[in-house]
PDB file of N, CA and C in Angstrom:
ATOM      1  N   MET A   1     -40.204 -57.631  39.123  1.00  0.00           N
ATOM      2  CA  MET A   1     -40.716 -57.779  37.770  1.00  0.00           C
ATOM      3  C   MET A   1     -39.190 -57.797  36.883  1.00  0.00           C
ATOM      4  N   THR A   2     -39.110 -58.634  35.674  1.00  0.00           N
ATOM      5  CA  THR A   2     -38.233 -59.043  35.028  1.00  0.00           C
ATOM      6  C   THR A   2     -38.291 -58.510  33.856  1.00  0.00           C
ATOM      7  N   PHE A   3     -37.484 -57.742  32.870  1.00  0.00           N
ATOM      8  CA  PHE A   3     -38.280 -57.328  31.639  1.00  0.00           C
ATOM      9  C   PHE A   3     -37.311 -58.096  30.762  1.00  0.00           C
ATOM     10  N   GLY A   4     -37.727 -58.847  29.538  1.00  0.00           N
ATOM     11  CA  GLY A   4     -36.468 -58.937  28.843  1.00  0.00           C
ATOM     12  C   GLY A   4     -37.053 -60.784  29.091  1.00  0.00           C
ATOM     13  N   THR A   5     -36.999 -61.722  28.041  1.00  0.00           N
ATOM     14  CA  THR A   5     -36.725 -62.712  28.399  1.00  0.00           C
ATOM     15  C   THR A   5     -35.365 -63.775  28.029  1.00  0.00           C
ATOM     16  N   GLU A   6     -34.340 -63.594  27.825  1.00  0.00           N
ATOM     17  CA  GLU A   6     -33.271 -64.049  27.935  1.00  0.00           C
ATOM     18  C   GLU A   6     -32.700 -64.692  28.851  1.00  0.00           C
ATOM     19  N   TRP A   7     -33.289 -64.773  30.036  1.00  0.00           N
ATOM     20  CA  TRP A   7     -32.945 -65.929  30.591  1.00  0.00           C
ATOM     21  C   TRP A   7     -33.946 -67.014  30.782  1.00  0.00           C
ATOM     22  N   GLY A   8     -34.649 -66.931  29.855  1.00  0.00           N
ATOM     23  CA  GLY A   8     -35.829 -68.141  29.578  1.00  0.00           C
ATOM     24  C   GLY A   8     -36.538 -68.152  30.796  1.00  0.00           C
ATOM     25  N   TRP A   9     -37.082 -66.704  31.220  1.00  0.00           N
ATOM     26  CA  TRP A   9     -38.248 -66.371  31.395  1.00  0.00           C
ATOM     27  C   TRP A   9     -38.537 -64.858  31.760  1.00  0.00           C
ATOM     28  N   GLY A  10     -39.454 -64.548  32.257  1.00  0.00           N
ATOM     29  CA  GLY A  10     -39.458 -62.820  32.474  1.00  0.00           C
ATOM     30  C   GLY A  10     -40.532 -62.437  31.060  1.00  0.00           C
ATOM     31  N   CYS A  11     -40.347 -61.367  31.123  1.00  0.00           N
ATOM     32  CA  CYS A  11     -41.556 -60.871  29.944  1.00  0.00           C
ATOM     33  C   CYS A  11     -41.103 -59.831  29.008  1.00  0.00           C
ATOM     34  N   ASP A  12     -41.953 -59.883  27.813  1.00  0.00           N
ATOM     35  CA  ASP A  12     -41.193 -59.319  26.580  1.00  0.00           C
ATOM     36  C   ASP A  12     -41.788 -57.636  26.758  1.00  0.00           C
ATOM     37  N   GLU A  13     -41.127 -56.910  25.654  1.00  0.00           N
ATOM     38  CA  GLU A  13     -41.592 -55.859  25.747  1.00  0.00           C
ATOM     39  C   GLU A  13     -42.914 -55.238  26.104  1.00  0.00           C
ATOM     40  N   GLY A  14     -43.864 -55.654  25.450  1.00  0.00           N
ATOM     41  CA  GLY A  14     -45.313 -55.273  25.262  1.00  0.00           C
ATOM     42  C   GLY A  14     -45.666 -55.314  26.716  1.00  0.00           C
ATOM     43  N   GLU A  15     -45.431 -56.638  27.123  1.00  0.00           N
ATOM     44  CA  GLU A  15     -45.878 -56.925  28.831  1.00  0.00           C
ATOM     45  C   GLU A  15     -45.654 -55.841  29.434  1.00  0.00           C
ATOM     46  N   ALA A  16     -43.621 -55.742  29.657  1.00  0.00           N
ATOM     47  CA  ALA A  16     -42.949 -54.763  30.413  1.00  0.00           C
ATOM     48  C   ALA A  16     -43.744 -53.457  30.726  1.00  0.00           C
ATOM     49  N   LYS A  17     -44.432 -52.760  29.195  1.00  0.00           N
ATOM     50  CA  LYS A  17     -45.045 -51.453  29.324  1.00  0.00           C
ATOM     51  C   LYS A  17     -46.198 -51.496  30.342  1.00  0.00           C
ATOM     52  N   ARG A  18     -46.753 -52.826  30.080  1.00  0.00           N
ATOM     53  CA  ARG A  18     -47.998 -52.969  30.699  1.00  0.00           C
ATOM     54  C   ARG A  18     -48.183 -52.804  32.297  1.00  0.00           C
ATOM     55  N   ILE A  19     -46.728 -53.652  32.506  1.00  0.00           N
ATOM     56  CA  ILE A  19     -46.626 -53.613  33.685  1.00  0.00           C
ATOM     57  C   ILE A  19     -46.289 -52.254  34.267  1.00  0.00           C
ATOM     58  N   PHE A  20     -45.180 -51.665  33.749  1.00  0.00           N
ATOM     59  CA  PHE A  20     -44.869 -50.128  33.812  1.00  0.00           C
ATOM     60  C   PHE A  20     -45.709 -49.518  34.174  1.00  0.00           C
ATOM     61  N   ASP A  21     -46.436 -49.335  33.455  1.00  0.00           N
ATOM     62  CA  ASP A  21     -47.801 -48.018  32.928  1.00  0.00           C
ATOM     63  C   ASP A  21     -48.490 -48.242  34.239  1.00  0.00           C
ATOM     64  N   ALA A  22     -49.270 -49.743  34.533  1.00  0.00           N
ATOM     65  CA  ALA A  22     -50.125 -50.012  35.704  1.00  0.00           C
ATOM     66  C   ALA A  22     -49.472 -49.707  36.854  1.00  0.00           C
ATOM     67  N   TYR A  23     -47.565 -49.863  37.479  1.00  0.00           N
ATOM     68  CA  TYR A  23     -47.088 -49.103  38.295  1.00  0.00           C
ATOM     69  C   TYR A  23     -47.514 -47.919  38.574  1.00  0.00           C
ATOM     70  N   VAL A  24     -47.169 -47.201  37.645  1.00  0.00           N
ATOM     71  CA  VAL A  24     -46.578 -45.838  37.513  1.00  0.00           C
ATOM     72  C   VAL A  24     -48.223 -45.316  38.060  1.00  0.00           C
ATOM     73  N   ASP A  25     -49.080 -45.931  36.762  1.00  0.00           N
ATOM     74  CA  ASP A  25     -50.245 -45.205  36.813  1.00  0.00           C
ATOM     75  C   ASP A  25     -51.121 -45.359  38.223  1.00  0.00           C
ATOM     76  N   ARG A  26     -50.289 -46.281  39.535  1.00  0.00           N
ATOM     77  CA  ARG A  26     -51.342 -46.201  40.635  1.00  0.00           C
ATOM     78  C   ARG A  26     -50.295 -45.777  41.651  1.00  0.00           C
ATOM     79  N   GLY A  27     -49.560 -45.049  41.533  1.00  0.00           N
ATOM     80  CA  GLY A  27     -48.667 -44.078  42.148  1.00  0.00           C
ATOM     81  C   GLY A  27     -47.264 -44.612  42.159  1.00  0.00           C
ATOM     82  N   GLY A  28     -46.856 -45.763  41.794  1.00  0.00           N
ATOM     83  CA  GLY A  28     -45.450 -46.067  41.910  1.00  0.00           C
ATOM     84  C   GLY A  28     -44.735 -44.818  41.316  1.00  0.00           C
ATOM     85  N   ASN A  29     -43.035 -44.537  41.430  1.00  0.00           N
ATOM     86  CA  ASN A  29     -42.309 -43.477  41.035  1.00  0.00           C
ATOM     87  C   ASN A  29     -41.067 -44.151  41.017  1.00  0.00           C
ATOM     88  N   PHE A  30     -40.287 -45.401  42.224  1.00  0.00           N
ATOM     89  CA  PHE A  30     -39.078 -45.839  41.891  1.00  0.00           C
ATOM     90  C   PHE A  30     -38.590 -47.470  41.288  1.00  0.00           C
ATOM     91  N   ILE A  31     -37.665 -46.924  40.334  1.00  0.00           N
ATOM     92  CA  ILE A  31     -37.376 -47.889  40.041  1.00  0.00           C
ATOM     93  C   ILE A  31     -35.641 -48.958  39.714  1.00  0.00           C
ATOM     94  N   ASP A  32     -35.354 -49.736  40.371  1.00  0.00           N
ATOM     95  CA  ASP A  32     -34.068 -50.142  40.599  1.00  0.00           C
ATOM     96  C   ASP A  32     -33.553 -51.256  39.413  1.00  0.00           C
ATOM     97  N   THR A  33     -32.723 -51.037  38.765  1.00  0.00           N
ATOM     98  CA  THR A  33     -32.137 -51.687  38.057  1.00  0.00           C
ATOM     99  C   THR A  33     -31.017 -51.681  38.056  1.00  0.00           C
ATOM    100  N   ALA A  34     -30.285 -52.383  37.111  1.00  0.00           N
ATOM    101  CA  ALA A  34     -28.978 -52.820  36.741  1.00  0.00           C
ATOM    102  C   ALA A  34     -27.991 -53.534  35.565  1.00  0.00           C
ATOM    103  N   VAL A  35     -27.405 -53.085  34.979  1.00  0.00           N
ATOM    104  CA  VAL A  35     -26.874 -53.258  32.984  1.00  0.00           C
ATOM    105  C   VAL A  35     -27.012 -54.903  33.085  1.00  0.00           C
ATOM    106  N   ASN A  36     -26.506 -55.888  34.393  1.00  0.00           N
ATOM    107  CA  ASN A  36     -26.821 -57.140  33.925  1.00  0.00           C
ATOM    108  C   ASN A  36     -27.636 -57.846  33.862  1.00  0.00           C
ATOM    109  N   TYR A  37     -28.954 -57.293  34.495  1.00  0.00           N
ATOM    110  CA  TYR A  37     -30.237 -57.745  34.396  1.00  0.00           C
ATOM    111  C   TYR A  37     -30.762 -58.253  32.756  1.00  0.00           C
ATOM    112  N   THR A  38     -30.961 -59.473  32.683  1.00  0.00           N
ATOM    113  CA  THR A  38     -31.397 -60.155  31.434  1.00  0.00           C
ATOM    114  C   THR A  38     -30.337 -59.730  30.611  1.00  0.00           C
ATOM    115  N   ASN A  39     -29.075 -59.455  30.992  1.00  0.00           N
ATOM    116  CA  ASN A  39     -27.981 -59.823  30.111  1.00  0.00           C
ATOM    117  C   ASN A  39     -28.144 -58.220  29.675  1.00  0.00           C
ATOM    118  N   GLY A  40     -28.758 -57.115  30.133  1.00  0.00           N
ATOM    119  CA  GLY A  40     -28.603 -55.724  29.513  1.00  0.00           C
ATOM    120  C   GLY A  40     -30.015 -55.713  28.857  1.00  0.00           C
ATOM    121  N   SER A  41     -30.811 -56.497  28.693  1.00  0.00           N
ATOM    122  CA  SER A  41     -32.099 -56.319  27.670  1.00  0.00           C
ATOM    123  C   SER A  41     -32.981 -55.802  28.591  1.00  0.00           C
ATOM    124  N   SER A  42     -32.970 -55.636  30.227  1.00  0.00           N
ATOM    125  CA  SER A  42     -33.942 -55.074  31.015  1.00  0.00           C
ATOM    126  C   SER A  42     -34.107 -53.580  30.799  1.00  0.00           C
ATOM    127  N   GLU A  43     -32.542 -53.148  31.017  1.00  0.00           N
ATOM    128  CA  GLU A  43     -32.692 -51.419  30.605  1.00  0.00           C
ATOM    129  C   GLU A  43     -32.309 -51.236  29.706  1.00  0.00           C
ATOM    130  N   LYS A  44     -32.427 -52.133  28.312  1.00  0.00           N
ATOM    131  CA  LYS A  44     -32.871 -51.442  26.978  1.00  0.00           C
ATOM    132  C   LYS A  44     -34.230 -51.040  26.720  1.00  0.00           C
ATOM    133  N   ILE A  45     -35.203 -52.312  27.458  1.00  0.00           N
ATOM    134  CA  ILE A  45     -36.384 -52.367  27.548  1.00  0.00           C
ATOM    135  C   ILE A  45     -37.237 -51.059  28.256  1.00  0.00           C
ATOM    136  N   LEU A  46     -36.302 -51.000  29.378  1.00  0.00           N
ATOM    137  CA  LEU A  46     -36.519 -49.714  30.416  1.00  0.00           C
ATOM    138  C   LEU A  46     -36.487 -48.637  29.705  1.00  0.00           C
ATOM    139  N   GLY A  47     -35.670 -48.197  29.025  1.00  0.00           N
ATOM    140  CA  GLY A  47     -35.194 -46.753  28.462  1.00  0.00           C
ATOM    141  C   GLY A  47     -35.921 -46.673  27.129  1.00  0.00           C
ATOM    142  N   ARG A  48     -36.922 -47.321  26.646  1.00  0.00           N
ATOM    143  CA  ARG A  48     -37.892 -47.073  25.760  1.00  0.00           C
ATOM    144  C   ARG A  48     -38.870 -46.772  26.224  1.00  0.00           C
ATOM    145  N   ILE A  49     -39.559 -47.589  27.230  1.00  0.00           N
ATOM    146  CA  ILE A  49     -40.666 -47.437  27.355  1.00  0.00           C
ATOM    147  C   ILE A  49     -41.023 -46.308  28.826  1.00  0.00           C
ATOM    148  N   ILE A  50     -39.865 -45.499  29.327  1.00  0.00           N
ATOM    149  CA  ILE A  50     -39.938 -44.561  30.577  1.00  0.00           C
ATOM    150  C   ILE A  50     -39.713 -43.755  30.060  1.00  0.00           C
ATOM    151  N   LYS A  51     -39.545 -43.316  29.450  1.00  0.00           N
ATOM    152  CA  LYS A  51     -39.210 -41.884  28.425  1.00  0.00           C
ATOM    153  C   LYS A  51     -40.248 -40.683  29.000  1.00  0.00           C
ATOM    154  N   ASP A  52     -41.628 -41.372  28.271  1.00  0.00           N
ATOM    155  CA  ASP A  52     -42.602 -40.290  28.682  1.00  0.00           C
ATOM    156  C   ASP A  52     -43.397 -40.051  30.260  1.00  0.00           C
ATOM    157  N   LYS A  53     -42.541 -40.822  30.978  1.00  0.00           N
ATOM    158  CA  LYS A  53     -43.053 -40.883  31.974  1.00  0.00           C
ATOM    159  C   LYS A  53     -41.529 -40.517  32.986  1.00  0.00           C
ATOM    160  N   ARG A  54     -40.688 -40.175  32.524  1.00  0.00           N
ATOM    161  CA  ARG A  54     -39.099 -39.908  33.156  1.00  0.00           C
ATOM    162  C   ARG A  54     -39.176 -38.995  34.401  1.00  0.00           C
ATOM    163  N   GLY A  55     -40.149 -37.791  34.244  1.00  0.00           N
ATOM    164  CA  GLY A  55     -40.096 -36.824  35.305  1.00  0.00           C
ATOM    165  C   GLY A  55     -40.934 -37.249  36.420  1.00  0.00           C
ATOM    166  N   ARG A  56     -41.670 -38.559  36.565  1.00  0.00           N
ATOM    167  CA  ARG A  56     -42.411 -38.972  37.681  1.00  0.00           C
ATOM    168  C   ARG A  56     -41.781 -40.147  38.076  1.00  0.00           C
ATOM    169  N   ILE A  57     -40.198 -40.528  38.000  1.00  0.00           N
ATOM    170  CA  ILE A  57     -39.836 -41.405  38.215  1.00  0.00           C
ATOM    171  C   ILE A  57     -38.154 -41.633  38.926  1.00  0.00           C
ATOM    172  N   VAL A  58     -37.957 -42.252  39.871  1.00  0.00           N
ATOM    173  CA  VAL A  58     -36.349 -42.117  40.719  1.00  0.00           C
ATOM    174  C   VAL A  58     -36.093 -43.445  39.684  1.00  0.00           C
ATOM    175  N   LEU A  59     -35.113 -43.250  39.348  1.00  0.00           N
ATOM    176  CA  LEU A  59     -34.255 -44.515  38.874  1.00  0.00           C
ATOM    177  C   LEU A  59     -32.760 -45.055  39.303  1.00  0.00           C
ATOM    178  N   SER A  60     -32.999 -45.565  39.720  1.00  0.00           N
ATOM    179  CA  SER A  60     -31.466 -46.229  40.627  1.00  0.00           C
ATOM    180  C   SER A  60     -30.673 -47.319  39.931  1.00  0.00           C
ATOM    181  N   THR A  61     -29.492 -47.482  40.289  1.00  0.00           N
ATOM    182  CA  THR A  61     -29.082 -48.572  39.472  1.00  0.00           C
ATOM    183  C   THR A  61     -28.043 -49.005  40.291  1.00  0.00           C
ATOM    184  N   LYS A  62     -27.163 -50.127  39.532  1.00  0.00           N
ATOM    185  CA  LYS A  62     -26.328 -51.064  40.728  1.00  0.00           C
ATOM    186  C   LYS A  62     -25.154 -50.766  39.623  1.00  0.00           C
ATOM    187  N   PHE A  63     -23.970 -50.686  40.664  1.00  0.00           N
ATOM    188  CA  PHE A  63     -22.480 -50.591  39.541  1.00  0.00           C
ATOM    189  C   PHE A  63     -21.630 -51.559  40.062  1.00  0.00           C
ATOM    190  N   THR A  64     -22.059 -52.327  41.144  1.00  0.00           N
ATOM    191  CA  THR A  64     -21.331 -53.161  41.255  1.00  0.00           C
ATOM    192  C   THR A  64     -20.668 -54.862  40.606  1.00  0.00           C
ATOM    193  N   MET A  65     -21.793 -55.316  40.031  1.00  0.00           N
ATOM    194  CA  MET A  65     -21.405 -56.910  39.529  1.00  0.00           C
ATOM    195  C   MET A  65     -20.528 -56.545  38.337  1.00  0.00           C
ATOM    196  N   ALA A  66     -19.543 -57.180  38.016  1.00  0.00           N
ATOM    197  CA  ALA A  66     -18.819 -57.572  36.758  1.00  0.00           C
ATOM    198  C   ALA A  66     -19.314 -57.478  35.349  1.00  0.00           C
ATOM    199  N   ARG A  67     -18.952 -56.552  34.297  1.00  0.00           N
ATOM    200  CA  ARG A  67     -19.285 -56.964  33.119  1.00  0.00           C
ATOM    201  C   ARG A  67     -18.421 -57.382  32.196  1.00  0.00           C
ATOM    202  N   GLU A  68     -17.288 -57.867  32.464  1.00  0.00           N
ATOM    203  CA  GLU A  68     -16.144 -58.490  31.489  1.00  0.00           C
ATOM    204  C   GLU A  68     -15.718 -59.945  32.636  1.00  0.00           C
ATOM    205  N   GLN A  69     -15.447 -60.757  32.049  1.00  0.00           N
ATOM    206  CA  GLN A  69     -15.328 -61.557  32.639  1.00  0.00           C
ATOM    207  C   GLN A  69     -13.392 -61.603  32.676  1.00  0.00           C
ATOM    208  N   GLY A  70     -13.057 -62.087  33.897  1.00  0.00           N
ATOM    209  CA  GLY A  70     -11.538 -62.014  34.021  1.00  0.00           C
ATOM    210  C   GLY A  70     -10.661 -60.295  34.240  1.00  0.00           C
ATOM    211  N   ASN A  71     -11.835 -59.595  33.766  1.00  0.00           N
ATOM    212  CA  ASN A  71     -11.695 -58.296  34.261  1.00  0.00           C
ATOM    213  C   ASN A  71     -11.873 -57.540  35.445  1.00  0.00           C
ATOM    214  N   PRO A  72     -10.704 -57.682  36.780  1.00  0.00           N
ATOM    215  CA  PRO A  72     -11.344 -57.379  38.148  1.00  0.00           C
ATOM    216  C   PRO A  72     -11.927 -55.790  37.968  1.00  0.00           C
ATOM    217  N   ASN A  73     -11.725 -54.832  37.352  1.00  0.00           N
ATOM    218  CA  ASN A  73     -12.182 -53.353  37.175  1.00  0.00           C
ATOM    219  C   ASN A  73     -13.115 -53.269  36.841  1.00  0.00           C
ATOM    220  N   SER A  74     -13.915 -54.047  35.622  1.00  0.00           N
ATOM    221  CA  SER A  74     -15.087 -54.239  35.538  1.00  0.00           C
ATOM    222  C   SER A  74     -16.461 -54.233  36.524  1.00  0.00           C
ATOM    223  N   GLY A  75     -16.097 -54.229  37.566  1.00  0.00           N
ATOM    224  CA  GLY A  75     -16.850 -54.636  38.779  1.00  0.00           C
ATOM    225  C   GLY A  75     -16.285 -54.215  39.658  1.00  0.00           C
ATOM    226  N   GLY A  76     -17.242 -54.508  41.029  1.00  0.00           N
ATOM    227  CA  GLY A  76     -16.549 -54.093  42.076  1.00  0.00           C
ATOM    228  C   GLY A  76     -16.692 -52.770  43.033  1.00  0.00           C
ATOM    229  N   ASN A  77     -16.642 -52.375  44.819  1.00  0.00           N
ATOM    230  CA  ASN A  77     -17.510 -51.433  44.826  1.00  0.00           C
ATOM    231  C   ASN A  77     -16.319 -50.323  44.931  1.00  0.00           C
ATOM    232  N   HIS A  78     -15.108 -50.330  44.049  1.00  0.00           N
ATOM    233  CA  HIS A  78     -14.225 -49.600  44.262  1.00  0.00           C
ATOM    234  C   HIS A  78     -14.272 -48.331  43.527  1.00  0.00           C
ATOM    235  N   ARG A  79     -13.930 -47.364  43.761  1.00  0.00           N
ATOM    236  CA  ARG A  79     -13.772 -45.626  43.252  1.00  0.00           C
ATOM    237  C   ARG A  79     -13.851 -46.208  41.931  1.00  0.00           C
ATOM    238  N   TYR A  80     -13.070 -46.455  40.874  1.00  0.00           N
ATOM    239  CA  TYR A  80     -12.682 -46.634  39.257  1.00  0.00           C
ATOM    240  C   TYR A  80     -14.035 -47.183  38.999  1.00  0.00           C
ATOM    241  N   ASN A  81     -14.889 -48.123  39.603  1.00  0.00           N
ATOM    242  CA  ASN A  81     -16.108 -48.304  38.662  1.00  0.00           C
ATOM    243  C   ASN A  81     -17.136 -47.367  38.949  1.00  0.00           C
ATOM    244  N   LEU A  82     -17.100 -46.901  40.230  1.00  0.00           N
ATOM    245  CA  LEU A  82     -18.143 -46.147  40.514  1.00  0.00           C
ATOM    246  C   LEU A  82     -17.989 -44.923  39.595  1.00  0.00           C
ATOM    247  N   VAL A  83     -17.039 -44.128  39.182  1.00  0.00           N
ATOM    248  CA  VAL A  83     -16.698 -43.075  38.691  1.00  0.00           C
ATOM    249  C   VAL A  83     -17.481 -43.265  37.306  1.00  0.00           C
ATOM    250  N   ARG A  84     -16.789 -44.767  36.743  1.00  0.00           N
ATOM    251  CA  ARG A  84     -16.974 -45.246  35.410  1.00  0.00           C
ATOM    252  C   ARG A  84     -18.580 -45.045  35.302  1.00  0.00           C
ATOM    253  N   SER A  85     -19.078 -45.006  36.243  1.00  0.00           N
ATOM    254  CA  SER A  85     -20.892 -45.805  36.003  1.00  0.00           C
ATOM    255  C   SER A  85     -21.554 -44.208  35.862  1.00  0.00           C
ATOM    256  N   VAL A  86     -20.664 -42.997  36.946  1.00  0.00           N
ATOM    257  CA  VAL A  86     -21.171 -41.732  36.676  1.00  0.00           C
ATOM    258  C   VAL A  86     -20.597 -41.400  35.108  1.00  0.00           C
ATOM    259  N   VAL A  87     -19.344 -41.154  35.026  1.00  0.00           N
ATOM    260  CA  VAL A  87     -19.286 -40.726  33.449  1.00  0.00           C
ATOM    261  C   VAL A  87     -19.154 -41.411  32.551  1.00  0.00           C
ATOM    262  N   GLY A  88     -19.786 -42.606  32.608  1.00  0.00           N
ATOM    263  CA  GLY A  88     -20.453 -43.046  31.074  1.00  0.00           C
ATOM    264  C   GLY A  88     -21.672 -42.881  31.119  1.00  0.00           C
ATOM    265  N   GLN A  89     -22.186 -42.167  31.858  1.00  0.00           N
ATOM    266  CA  GLN A  89     -23.692 -41.681  31.822  1.00  0.00           C
ATOM    267  C   GLN A  89     -23.225 -40.361  30.281  1.00  0.00           C
ATOM    268  N   PHE A  90     -22.411 -39.435  30.512  1.00  0.00           N
ATOM    269  CA  PHE A  90     -22.158 -38.376  30.161  1.00  0.00           C
ATOM    270  C   PHE A  90     -21.110 -38.575  28.813  1.00  0.00           C
ATOM    271  N   ALA A  91     -20.339 -39.645  29.077  1.00  0.00           N
ATOM    272  CA  ALA A  91     -19.411 -39.355  28.164  1.00  0.00           C
ATOM    273  C   ALA A  91     -18.893 -41.055  28.090  1.00  0.00           C
ATOM    274  N   PRO A  92     -18.278 -41.366  26.434  1.00  0.00           N
ATOM    275  CA  PRO A  92     -17.538 -42.512  26.726  1.00  0.00           C
ATOM    276  C   PRO A  92     -16.666 -43.144  27.153  1.00  0.00           C
ATOM    277  N   THR A  93     -16.745 -44.033  28.097  1.00  0.00           N
ATOM    278  CA  THR A  93     -15.707 -44.881  28.983  1.00  0.00           C
ATOM    279  C   THR A  93     -14.500 -44.753  28.401  1.00  0.00           C
ATOM    280  N   ARG A  94     -12.760 -45.165  28.929  1.00  0.00           N
ATOM    281  CA  ARG A  94     -12.142 -45.320  28.495  1.00  0.00           C
ATOM    282  C   ARG A  94     -12.030 -46.887  27.965  1.00  0.00           C
ATOM    283  N   HIS A  95     -12.925 -47.990  28.268  1.00  0.00           N
ATOM    284  CA  HIS A  95     -12.887 -49.154  28.019  1.00  0.00           C
ATOM    285  C   HIS A  95     -14.612 -48.873  27.269  1.00  0.00           C
ATOM    286  N   GLY A  96     -13.926 -48.688  25.576  1.00  0.00           N
ATOM    287  CA  GLY A  96     -15.031 -48.729  24.661  1.00  0.00           C
ATOM    288  C   GLY A  96     -16.375 -49.879  24.850  1.00  0.00           C
ATOM    289  N   SER A  97     -15.827 -50.890  25.310  1.00  0.00           N
ATOM    290  CA  SER A  97     -16.741 -52.099  25.178  1.00  0.00           C
ATOM    291  C   SER A  97     -17.545 -52.088  26.393  1.00  0.00           C
ATOM    292  N   HIS A  98     -17.216 -51.332  27.493  1.00  0.00           N
ATOM    293  CA  HIS A  98     -17.925 -51.573  28.637  1.00  0.00           C
ATOM    294  C   HIS A  98     -19.385 -50.869  28.479  1.00  0.00           C
ATOM    295  N   ARG A  99     -20.573 -51.571  28.569  1.00  0.00           N
ATOM    296  CA  ARG A  99     -21.726 -50.901  28.563  1.00  0.00           C
ATOM    297  C   ARG A  99     -22.147 -50.244  29.846  1.00  0.00           C
ATOM    298  N   THR A 100     -22.153 -49.284  30.145  1.00  0.00           N
ATOM    299  CA  THR A 100     -22.815 -48.371  31.314  1.00  0.00           C
ATOM    300  C   THR A 100     -24.499 -48.554  31.578  1.00  0.00           C
ATOM    301  N   SER A 101     -24.835 -48.898  32.493  1.00  0.00           N
ATOM    302  CA  SER A 101     -25.995 -48.715  32.981  1.00  0.00           C
ATOM    303  C   SER A 101     -26.962 -47.658  32.161  1.00  0.00           C
ATOM    304  N   ALA A 102     -26.103 -46.540  31.986  1.00  0.00           N
ATOM    305  CA  ALA A 102     -26.814 -45.315  31.763  1.00  0.00           C
ATOM    306  C   ALA A 102     -27.040 -45.496  30.302  1.00  0.00           C
ATOM    307  N   ARG A 103     -26.130 -46.296  29.648  1.00  0.00           N
ATOM    308  CA  ARG A 103     -26.337 -46.464  27.800  1.00  0.00           C
ATOM    309  C   ARG A 103     -26.887 -47.128  28.008  1.00  0.00           C
ATOM    310  N   ALA A 104     -27.153 -48.559  28.386  1.00  0.00           N
ATOM    311  CA  ALA A 104     -28.065 -49.579  28.416  1.00  0.00           C
ATOM    312  C   ALA A 104     -29.887 -48.715  28.248  1.00  0.00           C
ATOM    313  N   CYS A 105     -29.530 -47.774  29.092  1.00  0.00           N
ATOM    314  CA  CYS A 105     -31.234 -47.354  29.148  1.00  0.00           C
ATOM    315  C   CYS A 105     -31.365 -46.018  28.342  1.00  0.00           C
ATOM    316  N   LEU A 106     -30.716 -46.350  27.550  1.00  0.00           N
ATOM    317  CA  LEU A 106     -30.776 -45.078  26.190  1.00  0.00           C
ATOM    318  C   LEU A 106     -30.828 -43.872  26.619  1.00  0.00           C
ATOM    319  N   GLY A 107     -29.468 -43.772  27.530  1.00  0.00           N
ATOM    320  CA  GLY A 107     -28.999 -41.959  27.970  1.00  0.00           C
ATOM    321  C   GLY A 107     -30.064 -41.574  28.812  1.00  0.00           C
ATOM    322  N   LEU A 108     -31.148 -42.264  29.526  1.00  0.00           N
ATOM    323  CA  LEU A 108     -31.285 -41.732  30.742  1.00  0.00           C
ATOM    324  C   LEU A 108     -30.317 -41.687  31.375  1.00  0.00           C
ATOM    325  N   TYR A 109     -30.561 -40.651  32.482  1.00  0.00           N
ATOM    326  CA  TYR A 109     -29.637 -40.203  33.642  1.00  0.00           C
ATOM    327  C   TYR A 109     -30.326 -41.114  34.743  1.00  0.00           C
ATOM    328  N   HIS A 110     -29.358 -41.865  35.568  1.00  0.00           N
ATOM    329  CA  HIS A 110     -29.912 -42.378  36.930  1.00  0.00           C
ATOM    330  C   HIS A 110     -29.952 -41.709  38.295  1.00  0.00           C
ATOM    331  N   ASP A 111     -31.077 -41.166  38.925  1.00  0.00           N
ATOM    332  CA  ASP A 111     -30.745 -40.400  40.248  1.00  0.00           C
ATOM    333  C   ASP A 111     -30.123 -41.200  41.111  1.00  0.00           C
ATOM    334  N   ALA A 112     -29.779 -42.566  41.283  1.00  0.00           N
ATOM    335  CA  ALA A 112     -28.856 -43.324  42.631  1.00  0.00           C
ATOM    336  C   ALA A 112     -28.150 -44.048  41.753  1.00  0.00           C
ATOM    337  N   ARG A 113     -26.932 -44.468  42.704  1.00  0.00           N
ATOM    338  CA  ARG A 113     -26.265 -45.621  42.207  1.00  0.00           C
ATOM    339  C   ARG A 113     -25.820 -46.145  43.710  1.00  0.00           C
ATOM    340  N   ARG A 114     -25.789 -47.154  43.752  1.00  0.00           N
ATOM    341  CA  ARG A 114     -25.324 -48.057  44.805  1.00  0.00           C
ATOM    342  C   ARG A 114     -24.835 -49.279  44.810  1.00  0.00           C
ATOM    343  N   GLY A 115     -23.763 -50.043  45.766  1.00  0.00           N
ATOM    344  CA  GLY A 115     -23.311 -50.917  45.807  1.00  0.00           C
ATOM    345  C   GLY A 115     -24.271 -52.217  45.461  1.00  0.00           C
ATOM    346  N   ASN A 116     -23.859 -53.270  45.343  1.00  0.00           N
ATOM    347  CA  ASN A 116     -24.769 -54.452  45.570  1.00  0.00           C
ATOM    348  C   ASN A 116     -24.320 -55.407  45.979  1.00  0.00           C
ATOM    349  N   ALA A 117     -22.910 -55.604  46.556  1.00  0.00           N
ATOM    350  CA  ALA A 117     -22.415 -57.096  46.909  1.00  0.00           C
ATOM    351  C   ALA A 117     -21.211 -56.096  47.440  1.00  0.00           C
ATOM    352  N   CYS A 118     -21.281 -57.179  48.939  1.00  0.00           N
ATOM    353  CA  CYS A 118     -20.180 -57.006  49.828  1.00  0.00           C
ATOM    354  C   CYS A 118     -18.939 -57.853  49.622  1.00  0.00           C
ATOM    355  N   ALA A 119     -17.534 -57.511  50.067  1.00  0.00           N
ATOM    356  CA  ALA A 119     -16.584 -58.400  50.020  1.00  0.00           C
ATOM    357  C   ALA A 119     -15.780 -58.721  50.705  1.00  0.00           C
TER     358      ALA A 119
END
């Protein structure tokens, strides 16, 4: 499922909520997301619709993909990027312009993080 229409396809927030509620109401409990999906819109939508059911969900994100063109530290499977993805969930990062996945999800914490690309 793709939440957000910024890529020219996917669903708007109303349809995303309908899909999400149907998934959870039928026993679904794992959501995997990433800050790059639909340019961050996906996680903003998820953050708004997940709040009432957060205790029932395992929320996972990826930290690998670069978020700032030309900055090799804005992505990758290295320690710096992993730590920033964790710390950014609780406090501002050193690079204020970086949007961490947790922030995009409106402050929700993540239960799991994983790399999404091999070098």
